[in-house]
Amino acid sequence: QPGNLPEFASRLTGSSDLYADDGRRPLASINFVTCHD
């Protein structure tokens, strides 16, 4: 998919856009590509 590189970089490095503001760390992110669903 085009235009995806900036978000790819954020997810690769721990998703600080999702978790840094409330004091959480990269470990707040359970990363997965597939699951049971």
PDB file of all heavy atoms in Angstrom:
ATOM      1  N   GLN A   1       0.831  -1.195   0.000  1.00  0.00           N
ATOM      2  CA  GLN A   1       0.000   0.000   0.000  1.00  0.00           C
ATOM      3  C   GLN A   1       0.875   1.258   0.000  1.00  0.00           C
ATOM      4  O   GLN A   1       1.797   1.375   0.810  1.00  0.00           O
ATOM      5  CB  GLN A   1      -0.906   0.022   1.230  1.00  0.00           C
ATOM      6  CG  GLN A   1      -2.048  -0.973   1.175  1.00  0.00           C
ATOM      7  CD  GLN A   1      -3.051  -0.641   0.099  1.00  0.00           C
ATOM      8  OE1 GLN A   1      -3.034  -1.238  -0.979  1.00  0.00           O
ATOM      9  NE2 GLN A   1      -3.923   0.294   0.364  1.00  0.00           N
ATOM     10  N   PRO A   2       0.605   2.228  -0.869  1.00  0.00           N
ATOM     11  CA  PRO A   2       1.410   3.460  -0.891  1.00  0.00           C
ATOM     12  C   PRO A   2       1.090   4.355   0.299  1.00  0.00           C
ATOM     13  O   PRO A   2       0.027   4.259   0.922  1.00  0.00           O
ATOM     14  CB  PRO A   2       0.997   4.124  -2.207  1.00  0.00           C
ATOM     15  CG  PRO A   2      -0.384   3.613  -2.474  1.00  0.00           C
ATOM     16  CD  PRO A   2      -0.416   2.216  -1.938  1.00  0.00           C
ATOM     17  N   GLY A   3       2.015   5.228   0.631  1.00  0.00           N
ATOM     18  CA  GLY A   3       1.809   6.223   1.678  1.00  0.00           C
ATOM     19  C   GLY A   3       1.806   5.651   3.079  1.00  0.00           C
ATOM     20  O   GLY A   3       1.351   6.304   4.019  1.00  0.00           O
ATOM     21  N   ASN A   4       2.343   4.472   3.249  1.00  0.00           N
ATOM     22  CA  ASN A   4       2.249   3.770   4.527  1.00  0.00           C
ATOM     23  C   ASN A   4       3.527   3.853   5.360  1.00  0.00           C
ATOM     24  O   ASN A   4       3.531   3.450   6.523  1.00  0.00           O
ATOM     25  CB  ASN A   4       1.897   2.292   4.259  1.00  0.00           C
ATOM     26  CG  ASN A   4       1.534   1.514   5.497  1.00  0.00           C
ATOM     27  OD1 ASN A   4       2.251   0.608   5.894  1.00  0.00           O
ATOM     28  ND2 ASN A   4       0.412   1.876   6.110  1.00  0.00           N
ATOM     29  N   LEU A   5       4.605   4.372   4.777  1.00  0.00           N
ATOM     30  CA  LEU A   5       5.909   4.313   5.439  1.00  0.00           C
ATOM     31  C   LEU A   5       5.961   5.043   6.779  1.00  0.00           C
ATOM     32  O   LEU A   5       6.524   4.506   7.747  1.00  0.00           O
ATOM     33  CB  LEU A   5       6.992   4.846   4.498  1.00  0.00           C
ATOM     34  CG  LEU A   5       8.437   4.660   4.978  1.00  0.00           C
ATOM     35  CD1 LEU A   5       8.750   3.174   5.189  1.00  0.00           C
ATOM     36  CD2 LEU A   5       9.413   5.264   3.967  1.00  0.00           C
ATOM     37  N   PRO A   6       5.403   6.262   6.929  1.00  0.00           N
ATOM     38  CA  PRO A   6       5.488   6.920   8.239  1.00  0.00           C
ATOM     39  C   PRO A   6       4.833   6.114   9.362  1.00  0.00           C
ATOM     40  O   PRO A   6       5.396   5.996  10.454  1.00  0.00           O
ATOM     41  CB  PRO A   6       4.761   8.253   8.006  1.00  0.00           C
ATOM     42  CG  PRO A   6       4.893   8.506   6.545  1.00  0.00           C
ATOM     43  CD  PRO A   6       4.810   7.158   5.906  1.00  0.00           C
ATOM     44  N   GLU A   7       3.650   5.546   9.095  1.00  0.00           N
ATOM     45  CA  GLU A   7       3.006   4.766  10.153  1.00  0.00           C
ATOM     46  C   GLU A   7       3.750   3.462  10.396  1.00  0.00           C
ATOM     47  O   GLU A   7       3.845   2.994  11.531  1.00  0.00           O
ATOM     48  CB  GLU A   7       1.543   4.494   9.828  1.00  0.00           C
ATOM     49  CG  GLU A   7       0.821   3.855  11.004  1.00  0.00           C
ATOM     50  CD  GLU A   7      -0.693   3.925  10.905  1.00  0.00           C
ATOM     51  OE1 GLU A   7      -1.204   4.388   9.871  1.00  0.00           O
ATOM     52  OE2 GLU A   7      -1.345   3.514  11.878  1.00  0.00           O
ATOM     53  N   PHE A   8       4.302   2.879   9.342  1.00  0.00           N
ATOM     54  CA  PHE A   8       5.128   1.690   9.516  1.00  0.00           C
ATOM     55  C   PHE A   8       6.282   1.984  10.467  1.00  0.00           C
ATOM     56  O   PHE A   8       6.586   1.181  11.364  1.00  0.00           O
ATOM     57  CB  PHE A   8       5.665   1.230   8.160  1.00  0.00           C
ATOM     58  CG  PHE A   8       6.711   0.153   8.243  1.00  0.00           C
ATOM     59  CD1 PHE A   8       6.347  -1.177   8.381  1.00  0.00           C
ATOM     60  CD2 PHE A   8       8.059   0.474   8.179  1.00  0.00           C
ATOM     61  CE1 PHE A   8       7.313  -2.176   8.458  1.00  0.00           C
ATOM     62  CE2 PHE A   8       9.032  -0.512   8.254  1.00  0.00           C
ATOM     63  CZ  PHE A   8       8.654  -1.838   8.397  1.00  0.00           C
ATOM     64  N   ALA A   9       6.910   3.133  10.305  1.00  0.00           N
ATOM     65  CA  ALA A   9       8.028   3.501  11.170  1.00  0.00           C
ATOM     66  C   ALA A   9       7.584   3.658  12.616  1.00  0.00           C
ATOM     67  O   ALA A   9       8.283   3.244  13.553  1.00  0.00           O
ATOM     68  CB  ALA A   9       8.666   4.793  10.667  1.00  0.00           C
ATOM     69  N   SER A  10       6.401   4.239  12.819  1.00  0.00           N
ATOM     70  CA  SER A  10       5.892   4.423  14.175  1.00  0.00           C
ATOM     71  C   SER A  10       5.606   3.082  14.835  1.00  0.00           C
ATOM     72  O   SER A  10       5.941   2.867  16.010  1.00  0.00           O
ATOM     73  CB  SER A  10       4.627   5.283  14.138  1.00  0.00           C
ATOM     74  OG  SER A  10       4.095   5.440  15.434  1.00  0.00           O
ATOM     75  N   ARG A  11       4.987   2.162  14.106  1.00  0.00           N
ATOM     76  CA  ARG A  11       4.670   0.852  14.675  1.00  0.00           C
ATOM     77  C   ARG A  11       5.943   0.050  14.939  1.00  0.00           C
ATOM     78  O   ARG A  11       6.042  -0.642  15.960  1.00  0.00           O
ATOM     79  CB  ARG A  11       3.748   0.065  13.744  1.00  0.00           C
ATOM     80  CG  ARG A  11       2.474   0.795  13.396  1.00  0.00           C
ATOM     81  CD  ARG A  11       1.523   0.974  14.577  1.00  0.00           C
ATOM     82  NE  ARG A  11       0.587   2.055  14.315  1.00  0.00           N
ATOM     83  CZ  ARG A  11       0.557   3.202  14.963  1.00  0.00           C
ATOM     84  NH1 ARG A  11       1.396   3.428  15.961  1.00  0.00           N
ATOM     85  NH2 ARG A  11      -0.304   4.149  14.651  1.00  0.00           N
ATOM     86  N   LEU A  12       6.909   0.145  14.046  1.00  0.00           N
ATOM     87  CA  LEU A  12       8.171  -0.583  14.214  1.00  0.00           C
ATOM     88  C   LEU A  12       8.895  -0.159  15.489  1.00  0.00           C
ATOM     89  O   LEU A  12       9.549  -0.976  16.146  1.00  0.00           O
ATOM     90  CB  LEU A  12       9.070  -0.343  12.994  1.00  0.00           C
ATOM     91  CG  LEU A  12      10.408  -1.083  12.960  1.00  0.00           C
ATOM     92  CD1 LEU A  12      10.196  -2.559  12.657  1.00  0.00           C
ATOM     93  CD2 LEU A  12      11.341  -0.457  11.921  1.00  0.00           C
ATOM     94  N   THR A  13       8.749   1.092  15.860  1.00  0.00           N
ATOM     95  CA  THR A  13       9.503   1.632  16.998  1.00  0.00           C
ATOM     96  C   THR A  13       8.662   1.738  18.270  1.00  0.00           C
ATOM     97  O   THR A  13       9.043   2.443  19.199  1.00  0.00           O
ATOM     98  CB  THR A  13      10.083   3.008  16.638  1.00  0.00           C
ATOM     99  OG1 THR A  13       9.038   3.872  16.169  1.00  0.00           O
ATOM    100  CG2 THR A  13      11.144   2.883  15.558  1.00  0.00           C
ATOM    101  N   GLY A  14       7.530   1.045  18.327  1.00  0.00           N
ATOM    102  CA  GLY A  14       6.816   0.942  19.591  1.00  0.00           C
ATOM    103  C   GLY A  14       5.539   1.731  19.719  1.00  0.00           C
ATOM    104  O   GLY A  14       4.952   1.773  20.799  1.00  0.00           O
ATOM    105  N   SER A  15       5.095   2.417  18.658  1.00  0.00           N
ATOM    106  CA  SER A  15       3.815   3.145  18.662  1.00  0.00           C
ATOM    107  C   SER A  15       3.751   4.211  19.749  1.00  0.00           C
ATOM    108  O   SER A  15       2.819   4.273  20.554  1.00  0.00           O
ATOM    109  CB  SER A  15       2.635   2.159  18.822  1.00  0.00           C
ATOM    110  OG  SER A  15       2.561   1.269  17.740  1.00  0.00           O
ATOM    111  N   SER A  16       4.740   5.083  19.760  1.00  0.00           N
ATOM    112  CA  SER A  16       4.757   6.159  20.759  1.00  0.00           C
ATOM    113  C   SER A  16       3.562   7.085  20.604  1.00  0.00           C
ATOM    114  O   SER A  16       3.114   7.705  21.581  1.00  0.00           O
ATOM    115  CB  SER A  16       6.053   6.960  20.649  1.00  0.00           C
ATOM    116  OG  SER A  16       6.172   7.556  19.365  1.00  0.00           O
ATOM    117  N   ASP A  17       2.999   7.178  19.381  1.00  0.00           N
ATOM    118  CA  ASP A  17       1.834   8.033  19.182  1.00  0.00           C
ATOM    119  C   ASP A  17       0.622   7.529  19.957  1.00  0.00           C
ATOM    120  O   ASP A  17      -0.290   8.299  20.264  1.00  0.00           O
ATOM    121  CB  ASP A  17       1.498   8.131  17.693  1.00  0.00           C
ATOM    122  CG  ASP A  17       1.232   6.766  17.065  1.00  0.00           C
ATOM    123  OD1 ASP A  17       1.911   5.786  17.439  1.00  0.00           O
ATOM    124  OD2 ASP A  17       0.348   6.668  16.192  1.00  0.00           O
ATOM    125  N   LEU A  18       0.609   6.242  20.297  1.00  0.00           N
ATOM    126  CA  LEU A  18      -0.507   5.668  21.040  1.00  0.00           C
ATOM    127  C   LEU A  18      -0.270   5.632  22.539  1.00  0.00           C
ATOM    128  O   LEU A  18      -1.224   5.747  23.321  1.00  0.00           O
ATOM    129  CB  LEU A  18      -0.779   4.237  20.551  1.00  0.00           C
ATOM    130  CG  LEU A  18      -1.163   4.056  19.078  1.00  0.00           C
ATOM    131  CD1 LEU A  18      -1.317   2.583  18.757  1.00  0.00           C
ATOM    132  CD2 LEU A  18      -2.444   4.813  18.760  1.00  0.00           C
ATOM    133  N   TYR A  19       0.978   5.468  22.958  1.00  0.00           N
ATOM    134  CA  TYR A  19       1.223   5.126  24.353  1.00  0.00           C
ATOM    135  C   TYR A  19       2.089   6.118  25.136  1.00  0.00           C
ATOM    136  O   TYR A  19       2.090   6.072  26.370  1.00  0.00           O
ATOM    137  CB  TYR A  19       1.871   3.735  24.426  1.00  0.00           C
ATOM    138  CG  TYR A  19       1.053   2.682  23.740  1.00  0.00           C
ATOM    139  CD1 TYR A  19       1.508   2.026  22.598  1.00  0.00           C
ATOM    140  CD2 TYR A  19      -0.207   2.338  24.214  1.00  0.00           C
ATOM    141  CE1 TYR A  19       0.742   1.062  21.959  1.00  0.00           C
ATOM    142  CE2 TYR A  19      -0.990   1.383  23.578  1.00  0.00           C
ATOM    143  CZ  TYR A  19      -0.502   0.745  22.446  1.00  0.00           C
ATOM    144  OH  TYR A  19      -1.272  -0.192  21.817  1.00  0.00           O
ATOM    145  N   ALA A  20       2.812   6.994  24.476  1.00  0.00           N
ATOM    146  CA  ALA A  20       3.757   7.841  25.202  1.00  0.00           C
ATOM    147  C   ALA A  20       3.067   8.935  26.012  1.00  0.00           C
ATOM    148  O   ALA A  20       3.539   9.305  27.092  1.00  0.00           O
ATOM    149  CB  ALA A  20       4.763   8.469  24.225  1.00  0.00           C
ATOM    150  N   ASP A  21       1.935   9.448  25.529  1.00  0.00           N
ATOM    151  CA  ASP A  21       1.311  10.601  26.180  1.00  0.00           C
ATOM    152  C   ASP A  21       0.859  10.317  27.602  1.00  0.00           C
ATOM    153  O   ASP A  21       0.838  11.222  28.447  1.00  0.00           O
ATOM    154  CB  ASP A  21       0.106  11.087  25.354  1.00  0.00           C
ATOM    155  CG  ASP A  21       0.537  11.787  24.079  1.00  0.00           C
ATOM    156  OD1 ASP A  21       1.740  12.089  23.966  1.00  0.00           O
ATOM    157  OD2 ASP A  21      -0.313  12.024  23.211  1.00  0.00           O
ATOM    158  N   ASP A  22       0.463   9.061  27.898  1.00  0.00           N
ATOM    159  CA  ASP A  22      -0.024   8.760  29.239  1.00  0.00           C
ATOM    160  C   ASP A  22       1.015   8.041  30.089  1.00  0.00           C
ATOM    161  O   ASP A  22       0.684   7.389  31.069  1.00  0.00           O
ATOM    162  CB  ASP A  22      -1.322   7.948  29.188  1.00  0.00           C
ATOM    163  CG  ASP A  22      -1.171   6.657  28.397  1.00  0.00           C
ATOM    164  OD1 ASP A  22      -0.038   6.295  28.054  1.00  0.00           O
ATOM    165  OD2 ASP A  22      -2.200   6.002  28.141  1.00  0.00           O
ATOM    166  N   GLY A  23       2.269   8.158  29.697  1.00  0.00           N
ATOM    167  CA  GLY A  23       3.338   7.617  30.516  1.00  0.00           C
ATOM    168  C   GLY A  23       3.658   6.161  30.264  1.00  0.00           C
ATOM    169  O   GLY A  23       4.534   5.595  30.924  1.00  0.00           O
ATOM    170  N   ARG A  24       2.970   5.529  29.316  1.00  0.00           N
ATOM    171  CA  ARG A  24       3.292   4.134  29.027  1.00  0.00           C
ATOM    172  C   ARG A  24       4.496   4.048  28.105  1.00  0.00           C
ATOM    173  O   ARG A  24       4.949   5.039  27.530  1.00  0.00           O
ATOM    174  CB  ARG A  24       2.076   3.429  28.422  1.00  0.00           C
ATOM    175  CG  ARG A  24       0.990   3.178  29.455  1.00  0.00           C
ATOM    176  CD  ARG A  24      -0.061   2.222  28.952  1.00  0.00           C
ATOM    177  NE  ARG A  24      -0.999   2.865  28.033  1.00  0.00           N
ATOM    178  CZ  ARG A  24      -1.966   2.207  27.403  1.00  0.00           C
ATOM    179  NH1 ARG A  24      -2.089   0.898  27.553  1.00  0.00           N
ATOM    180  NH2 ARG A  24      -2.804   2.853  26.612  1.00  0.00           N
ATOM    181  N   ARG A  25       5.002   2.846  27.962  1.00  0.00           N
ATOM    182  CA  ARG A  25       6.236   2.612  27.218  1.00  0.00           C
ATOM    183  C   ARG A  25       5.975   1.657  26.061  1.00  0.00           C
ATOM    184  O   ARG A  25       4.847   1.162  25.911  1.00  0.00           O
ATOM    185  CB  ARG A  25       7.302   2.068  28.175  1.00  0.00           C
ATOM    186  CG  ARG A  25       7.716   3.129  29.196  1.00  0.00           C
ATOM    187  CD  ARG A  25       8.788   2.636  30.145  1.00  0.00           C
ATOM    188  NE  ARG A  25       9.329   3.724  30.958  1.00  0.00           N
ATOM    189  CZ  ARG A  25      10.245   3.578  31.887  1.00  0.00           C
ATOM    190  NH1 ARG A  25      10.737   2.371  32.149  1.00  0.00           N
ATOM    191  NH2 ARG A  25      10.686   4.611  32.575  1.00  0.00           N
ATOM    192  N   PRO A  26       6.967   1.360  25.240  1.00  0.00           N
ATOM    193  CA  PRO A  26       6.729   0.458  24.106  1.00  0.00           C
ATOM    194  C   PRO A  26       6.124  -0.873  24.521  1.00  0.00           C
ATOM    195  O   PRO A  26       5.418  -1.511  23.736  1.00  0.00           O
ATOM    196  CB  PRO A  26       8.129   0.267  23.515  1.00  0.00           C
ATOM    197  CG  PRO A  26       8.890   1.479  23.912  1.00  0.00           C
ATOM    198  CD  PRO A  26       8.357   1.878  25.252  1.00  0.00           C
ATOM    199  N   LEU A  27       6.375  -1.285  25.757  1.00  0.00           N
ATOM    200  CA  LEU A  27       5.893  -2.574  26.234  1.00  0.00           C
ATOM    201  C   LEU A  27       4.386  -2.600  26.394  1.00  0.00           C
ATOM    202  O   LEU A  27       3.800  -3.666  26.613  1.00  0.00           O
ATOM    203  CB  LEU A  27       6.577  -2.907  27.560  1.00  0.00           C
ATOM    204  CG  LEU A  27       8.104  -2.797  27.505  1.00  0.00           C
ATOM    205  CD1 LEU A  27       8.712  -2.973  28.862  1.00  0.00           C
ATOM    206  CD2 LEU A  27       8.663  -3.812  26.524  1.00  0.00           C
ATOM    207  N   ALA A  28       3.731  -1.449  26.297  1.00  0.00           N
ATOM    208  CA  ALA A  28       2.264  -1.423  26.316  1.00  0.00           C
ATOM    209  C   ALA A  28       1.683  -2.005  25.038  1.00  0.00           C
ATOM    210  O   ALA A  28       0.504  -2.349  24.997  1.00  0.00           O
ATOM    211  CB  ALA A  28       1.763   0.004  26.510  1.00  0.00           C
ATOM    212  N   SER A  29       2.503  -2.125  24.014  1.00  0.00           N
ATOM    213  CA  SER A  29       2.033  -2.593  22.711  1.00  0.00           C
ATOM    214  C   SER A  29       2.293  -4.083  22.559  1.00  0.00           C
ATOM    215  O   SER A  29       3.442  -4.521  22.473  1.00  0.00           O
ATOM    216  CB  SER A  29       2.745  -1.831  21.582  1.00  0.00           C
ATOM    217  OG  SER A  29       2.329  -2.303  20.320  1.00  0.00           O
ATOM    218  N   ILE A  30       1.212  -4.882  22.547  1.00  0.00           N
ATOM    219  CA  ILE A  30       1.324  -6.292  22.177  1.00  0.00           C
ATOM    220  C   ILE A  30       1.210  -6.345  20.659  1.00  0.00           C
ATOM    221  O   ILE A  30       0.136  -6.152  20.090  1.00  0.00           O
ATOM    222  CB  ILE A  30       0.230  -7.148  22.835  1.00  0.00           C
ATOM    223  CG1 ILE A  30       0.228  -6.944  24.355  1.00  0.00           C
ATOM    224  CG2 ILE A  30       0.422  -8.617  22.471  1.00  0.00           C
ATOM    225  CD1 ILE A  30       1.496  -7.363  25.058  1.00  0.00           C
ATOM    226  N   ASN A  31       2.333  -6.565  20.007  1.00  0.00           N
ATOM    227  CA  ASN A  31       2.390  -6.541  18.551  1.00  0.00           C
ATOM    228  C   ASN A  31       2.001  -7.907  17.982  1.00  0.00           C
ATOM    229  O   ASN A  31       2.458  -8.943  18.466  1.00  0.00           O
ATOM    230  CB  ASN A  31       3.802  -6.200  18.082  1.00  0.00           C
ATOM    231  CG  ASN A  31       4.247  -4.818  18.539  1.00  0.00           C
ATOM    232  OD1 ASN A  31       3.432  -3.912  18.689  1.00  0.00           O
ATOM    233  ND2 ASN A  31       5.538  -4.650  18.758  1.00  0.00           N
ATOM    234  N   PHE A  32       1.182  -7.889  16.961  1.00  0.00           N
ATOM    235  CA  PHE A  32       0.813  -9.134  16.293  1.00  0.00           C
ATOM    236  C   PHE A  32       0.434  -8.837  14.853  1.00  0.00           C
ATOM    237  O   PHE A  32      -0.030  -7.747  14.525  1.00  0.00           O
ATOM    238  CB  PHE A  32      -0.326  -9.842  17.030  1.00  0.00           C
ATOM    239  CG  PHE A  32      -1.657  -9.113  16.996  1.00  0.00           C
ATOM    240  CD1 PHE A  32      -2.679  -9.544  16.164  1.00  0.00           C
ATOM    241  CD2 PHE A  32      -1.882  -8.000  17.795  1.00  0.00           C
ATOM    242  CE1 PHE A  32      -3.902  -8.875  16.131  1.00  0.00           C
ATOM    243  CE2 PHE A  32      -3.100  -7.332  17.774  1.00  0.00           C
ATOM    244  CZ  PHE A  32      -4.115  -7.772  16.938  1.00  0.00           C
ATOM    245  N   VAL A  33       0.667  -9.810  14.008  1.00  0.00           N
ATOM    246  CA  VAL A  33       0.257  -9.735  12.604  1.00  0.00           C
ATOM    247  C   VAL A  33      -0.952 -10.617  12.368  1.00  0.00           C
ATOM    248  O   VAL A  33      -1.838 -10.299  11.580  1.00  0.00           O
ATOM    249  CB  VAL A  33       1.422 -10.132  11.681  1.00  0.00           C
ATOM    250  CG1 VAL A  33       0.961 -10.182  10.230  1.00  0.00           C
ATOM    251  CG2 VAL A  33       2.587  -9.162  11.824  1.00  0.00           C
ATOM    252  N   THR A  34      -0.991 -11.736  13.061  1.00  0.00           N
ATOM    253  CA  THR A  34      -2.128 -12.646  12.980  1.00  0.00           C
ATOM    254  C   THR A  34      -2.508 -13.093  14.388  1.00  0.00           C
ATOM    255  O   THR A  34      -1.694 -13.042  15.315  1.00  0.00           O
ATOM    256  CB  THR A  34      -1.794 -13.899  12.145  1.00  0.00           C
ATOM    257  OG1 THR A  34      -0.686 -14.573  12.745  1.00  0.00           O
ATOM    258  CG2 THR A  34      -1.459 -13.530  10.718  1.00  0.00           C
ATOM    259  N   CYS A  35      -3.741 -13.543  14.541  1.00  0.00           N
ATOM    260  CA  CYS A  35      -4.212 -14.113  15.796  1.00  0.00           C
ATOM    261  C   CYS A  35      -5.295 -15.122  15.444  1.00  0.00           C
ATOM    262  O   CYS A  35      -5.502 -15.439  14.268  1.00  0.00           O
ATOM    263  CB  CYS A  35      -4.732 -13.022  16.741  1.00  0.00           C
ATOM    264  SG  CYS A  35      -6.178 -12.135  16.107  1.00  0.00           S
ATOM    265  N   HIS A  36      -5.994 -15.631  16.454  1.00  0.00           N
ATOM    266  CA  HIS A  36      -7.038 -16.625  16.181  1.00  0.00           C
ATOM    267  C   HIS A  36      -8.117 -16.084  15.257  1.00  0.00           C
ATOM    268  O   HIS A  36      -8.719 -16.833  14.489  1.00  0.00           O
ATOM    269  CB  HIS A  36      -7.668 -17.091  17.499  1.00  0.00           C
ATOM    270  CG  HIS A  36      -8.472 -16.014  18.171  1.00  0.00           C
ATOM    271  ND1 HIS A  36      -7.911 -15.108  19.057  1.00  0.00           N
ATOM    272  CD2 HIS A  36      -9.792 -15.673  18.090  1.00  0.00           C
ATOM    273  CE1 HIS A  36      -8.849 -14.279  19.474  1.00  0.00           C
ATOM    274  NE2 HIS A  36      -9.998 -14.595  18.911  1.00  0.00           N
ATOM    275  N   ASP A  37      -8.369 -14.787  15.335  1.00  0.00           N
ATOM    276  CA  ASP A  37      -9.456 -14.152  14.593  1.00  0.00           C
ATOM    277  C   ASP A  37      -8.909 -13.601  13.284  1.00  0.00           C
ATOM    278  O   ASP A  37      -8.207 -12.594  13.276  1.00  0.00           O
ATOM    279  CB  ASP A  37     -10.069 -13.038  15.441  1.00  0.00           C
ATOM    280  CG  ASP A  37     -11.349 -12.482  14.838  1.00  0.00           C
ATOM    281  OD1 ASP A  37     -11.787 -12.991  13.795  1.00  0.00           O
ATOM    282  OD2 ASP A  37     -11.909 -11.536  15.417  1.00  0.00           O
TER     283      ASP A  37
END
